Amino acid sequence: MRKLTNKPMKIQAKTKLQTIAMLLCFSLLPGLRATTLARLSLDQLAAAADGVARVRCAAAESRWENGAIWTVTTFDVIETLKGSLPGQVVVHLPGGRVGHLTAAVDGAPKFRPGEQAVVFLERAGTGGYSVAGWVEGTFRIVQDPISRREIVTQDSSGFAVFDQATRTFRAEGIRKMPMEQFRARVGAAIARGREKSR
């Protein structure tokens, strides 16, 4: 007489558990979010911004706000290119590190004390500001090691951004542009925006 085993039952139970686990994972997928940024021109950034300024990061601190981690960055305003801004502005951006927890948000710029940038600012509901277009509206200022001139690089130049015209993701943007040339282009974009709003 042959002894009966319960192997088929164990395999069926294991398969059912795997199927349930997969279905549970797939049911959670709609809750996951991804960051997709659309390419914005200087004209679009200037139109969206309440203020445009050359700033120096004075401090950055991550903290819990309304159940999420946010980074609050304080900037000293060096030069105002658009709007009426105080001597210091406070910018709220999603993500950061609090204790051992890190919330990473693709496309949200991060700043370190001492860094300089030109930022396109929009008023936030928190009473402070946010950066219009996140990495799109952030332009880092550094000194060229050879010419010793200030150059500007857009954060999104190294970030794949959706180009609606070509319907593809591409990393492009302003890279190593002399500050004088960049300031002139921003001024022209702001002026075009004023003309359109008349």
Protein backbone atom coordinates (compact mmCIF):
# COMPACT_ATOMS: atom_id res chain seq x y z
CA MET A 1 0.00 0.00 0.00
CA ARG A 2 1.17 3.50 -0.93
CA LYS A 3 1.44 6.20 1.70
CA LEU A 4 -0.42 9.42 0.88
CA THR A 5 1.39 12.71 1.46
CA ASN A 6 0.05 16.21 1.82
CA LYS A 7 2.65 17.82 -0.53
CA PRO A 8 0.05 18.91 -3.12
CA MET A 9 -1.90 20.69 -0.38
CA LYS A 10 1.25 22.49 0.88
CA ILE A 11 2.09 23.62 -2.66
CA GLN A 12 -1.46 24.86 -3.23
CA ALA A 13 -1.47 26.77 0.06
CA LYS A 14 1.92 28.32 -0.73
CA THR A 15 0.74 29.34 -4.22
CA LYS A 16 -2.40 30.92 -2.77
CA LEU A 17 -0.36 32.90 -0.25
CA GLN A 18 2.00 34.11 -2.99
CA THR A 19 -0.97 35.15 -5.14
CA ILE A 20 -2.57 37.03 -2.25
CA ALA A 21 0.73 38.77 -1.48
CA MET A 22 1.14 39.84 -5.13
CA LEU A 23 -2.44 41.14 -5.30
CA LEU A 24 -1.90 43.08 -2.08
CA CYS A 25 1.29 44.65 -3.51
CA PHE A 26 -0.46 45.59 -6.75
CA SER A 27 -3.38 47.09 -4.85
CA LEU A 28 -0.92 49.39 -3.05
CA LEU A 29 0.73 50.62 -6.27
CA PRO A 30 -1.80 53.41 -6.97
CA GLY A 31 -0.83 54.92 -3.60
CA LEU A 32 2.79 55.23 -4.65
CA ARG A 33 3.76 58.52 -6.20
CA ALA A 34 6.46 59.48 -8.64
CA THR A 35 7.80 62.89 -9.50
CA THR A 36 7.40 63.96 -13.10
CA LEU A 37 8.42 67.49 -13.96
CA ALA A 38 7.57 69.17 -17.25
CA ARG A 39 10.20 71.31 -18.95
CA LEU A 40 9.63 75.00 -18.14
CA SER A 41 11.13 77.90 -20.07
CA LEU A 42 12.53 81.01 -18.36
CA ASP A 43 9.39 82.84 -19.52
CA GLN A 44 7.15 80.25 -17.83
CA LEU A 45 9.23 80.31 -14.64
CA ALA A 46 9.22 84.12 -14.55
CA ALA A 47 5.44 84.21 -15.06
CA ALA A 48 4.85 81.65 -12.28
CA ALA A 49 7.18 83.35 -9.80
CA ASP A 50 6.08 85.97 -7.27
CA GLY A 51 9.73 86.84 -6.81
CA VAL A 52 13.10 86.06 -8.38
CA ALA A 53 16.22 86.58 -6.33
CA ARG A 54 19.88 85.85 -5.99
CA VAL A 55 20.17 84.28 -2.55
CA ARG A 56 22.68 82.78 -0.13
CA CYS A 57 21.58 79.85 2.00
CA ALA A 58 21.81 80.85 5.67
CA ALA A 59 20.33 77.68 7.21
CA ALA A 60 18.44 74.51 6.32
CA GLU A 61 16.52 72.35 8.76
CA SER A 62 14.28 69.33 8.18
CA ARG A 63 11.27 68.76 10.43
CA TRP A 64 7.87 67.12 10.68
CA GLU A 65 4.96 69.23 9.43
CA ASN A 66 1.43 67.84 9.08
CA GLY A 67 2.63 64.23 9.10
CA ALA A 68 5.38 64.65 6.49
CA ILE A 69 9.05 65.63 6.50
CA TRP A 70 9.73 69.10 5.09
CA THR A 71 12.96 71.05 4.78
CA VAL A 72 12.76 74.70 5.79
CA THR A 73 15.57 76.78 4.28
CA THR A 74 16.35 80.36 5.22
CA PHE A 75 17.97 82.50 2.52
CA ASP A 76 19.61 85.90 2.70
CA VAL A 77 18.44 87.90 -0.32
CA ILE A 78 21.48 89.36 -2.11
CA GLU A 79 19.71 90.79 -5.16
CA THR A 80 16.03 90.97 -6.13
CA LEU A 81 15.32 90.52 -9.85
CA LYS A 82 11.51 90.42 -9.59
CA GLY A 83 9.03 91.30 -6.90
CA SER A 84 9.41 92.90 -3.52
CA LEU A 85 11.23 90.57 -1.15
CA PRO A 86 12.42 91.06 2.43
CA GLY A 87 16.09 90.70 3.39
CA GLN A 88 15.47 87.05 4.30
CA VAL A 89 13.04 84.54 2.84
CA VAL A 90 12.00 81.16 4.22
CA VAL A 91 11.43 78.36 1.69
CA HIS A 92 9.50 75.15 2.42
CA LEU A 93 10.26 72.09 0.26
CA PRO A 94 9.16 68.48 0.72
CA GLY A 95 11.62 65.86 1.90
CA GLY A 96 14.63 65.81 4.18
CA ARG A 97 16.02 63.87 7.12
CA VAL A 98 14.68 63.88 10.67
CA GLY A 99 16.52 61.55 13.04
CA HIS A 100 16.96 58.22 11.30
CA LEU A 101 14.10 58.82 8.82
CA THR A 102 14.74 60.21 5.35
CA ALA A 103 12.07 61.34 2.89
CA ALA A 104 13.57 61.74 -0.58
CA VAL A 105 11.54 63.68 -3.13
CA ASP A 106 12.95 63.64 -6.66
CA GLY A 107 12.97 67.08 -8.17
CA ALA A 108 12.98 69.00 -4.88
CA PRO A 109 16.20 71.03 -4.61
CA LYS A 110 18.38 70.80 -1.52
CA PHE A 111 20.52 73.66 -0.23
CA ARG A 112 23.54 73.85 2.08
CA PRO A 113 24.53 76.90 4.13
CA GLY A 114 26.81 79.23 2.17
CA GLU A 115 25.59 78.15 -1.29
CA GLN A 116 24.41 80.85 -3.66
CA ALA A 117 21.67 80.49 -6.25
CA VAL A 118 19.09 82.37 -8.24
CA VAL A 119 15.68 81.02 -7.25
CA PHE A 120 12.23 81.62 -8.73
CA LEU A 121 9.99 81.94 -5.68
CA GLU A 122 6.25 81.45 -5.34
CA ARG A 123 4.26 82.18 -2.21
CA ALA A 124 3.34 79.09 -0.22
CA GLY A 125 0.35 78.55 2.04
CA THR A 126 2.75 78.33 4.98
CA GLY A 127 3.40 82.06 4.84
CA GLY A 128 6.82 81.50 3.34
CA TYR A 129 7.83 80.53 -0.17
CA SER A 130 8.46 77.50 -2.35
CA VAL A 131 10.67 77.26 -5.42
CA ALA A 132 8.63 77.45 -8.63
CA GLY A 133 9.25 74.29 -10.64
CA TRP A 134 11.61 72.95 -7.91
CA VAL A 135 14.83 71.97 -9.77
CA GLU A 136 13.56 73.89 -12.81
CA GLY A 137 13.51 77.14 -10.82
CA THR A 138 16.86 76.65 -9.08
CA PHE A 139 20.05 78.01 -10.67
CA ARG A 140 23.32 77.44 -8.76
CA ILE A 141 26.02 80.10 -8.83
CA VAL A 142 29.66 79.06 -8.64
CA GLN A 143 32.96 80.57 -9.65
CA ASP A 144 34.56 79.16 -12.79
CA PRO A 145 37.97 77.83 -11.72
CA ILE A 146 39.70 79.06 -14.89
CA SER A 147 38.12 82.43 -15.69
CA ARG A 148 37.18 83.25 -12.06
CA ARG A 149 33.83 84.53 -13.39
CA GLU A 150 30.54 83.54 -11.85
CA ILE A 151 28.64 80.92 -13.81
CA VAL A 152 25.10 79.60 -13.43
CA THR A 153 23.84 76.02 -13.79
CA GLN A 154 20.19 75.02 -13.59
CA ASP A 155 19.54 72.12 -11.19
CA SER A 156 17.35 70.41 -13.79
CA SER A 157 20.23 70.26 -16.28
CA GLY A 158 21.18 66.95 -14.65
CA PHE A 159 17.61 65.76 -14.06
CA ALA A 160 15.44 64.00 -16.66
CA VAL A 161 12.48 66.32 -17.28
CA PHE A 162 9.49 65.66 -19.51
CA ASP A 163 9.56 67.67 -22.74
CA GLN A 164 5.97 68.03 -23.93
CA ALA A 165 7.01 69.00 -27.47
CA THR A 166 8.97 65.79 -28.10
CA ARG A 167 7.03 63.69 -25.53
CA THR A 168 10.31 62.35 -24.11
CA PHE A 169 12.33 62.69 -20.93
CA ARG A 170 15.55 64.64 -21.42
CA ALA A 171 18.19 66.12 -19.16
CA GLU A 172 18.81 69.63 -20.45
CA GLY A 173 18.82 73.16 -19.18
CA ILE A 174 21.17 76.04 -18.53
CA ARG A 175 24.74 74.90 -17.86
CA LYS A 176 27.76 77.03 -17.00
CA MET A 177 26.24 80.25 -18.34
CA PRO A 178 28.06 83.46 -17.34
CA MET A 179 26.12 85.30 -14.63
CA GLU A 180 25.85 88.50 -16.68
CA GLN A 181 24.30 86.63 -19.60
CA PHE A 182 21.93 84.74 -17.29
CA ARG A 183 20.85 87.95 -15.52
CA ALA A 184 20.08 89.51 -18.93
CA ARG A 185 18.02 86.49 -20.03
CA VAL A 186 16.03 86.48 -16.78
CA GLY A 187 15.44 90.24 -17.06
CA ALA A 188 14.16 89.79 -20.62
CA ALA A 189 11.83 86.95 -19.54
CA ILE A 190 10.44 89.08 -16.70
CA ALA A 191 9.91 92.02 -19.09
CA ARG A 192 8.08 89.80 -21.61
CA GLY A 193 5.83 88.60 -18.77
CA ARG A 194 4.99 92.18 -17.81
CA GLU A 195 4.15 93.00 -21.44
CA LYS A 196 1.80 90.01 -21.70
CA SER A 197 -0.04 90.92 -18.50
CA ARG A 198 -0.89 94.43 -19.76
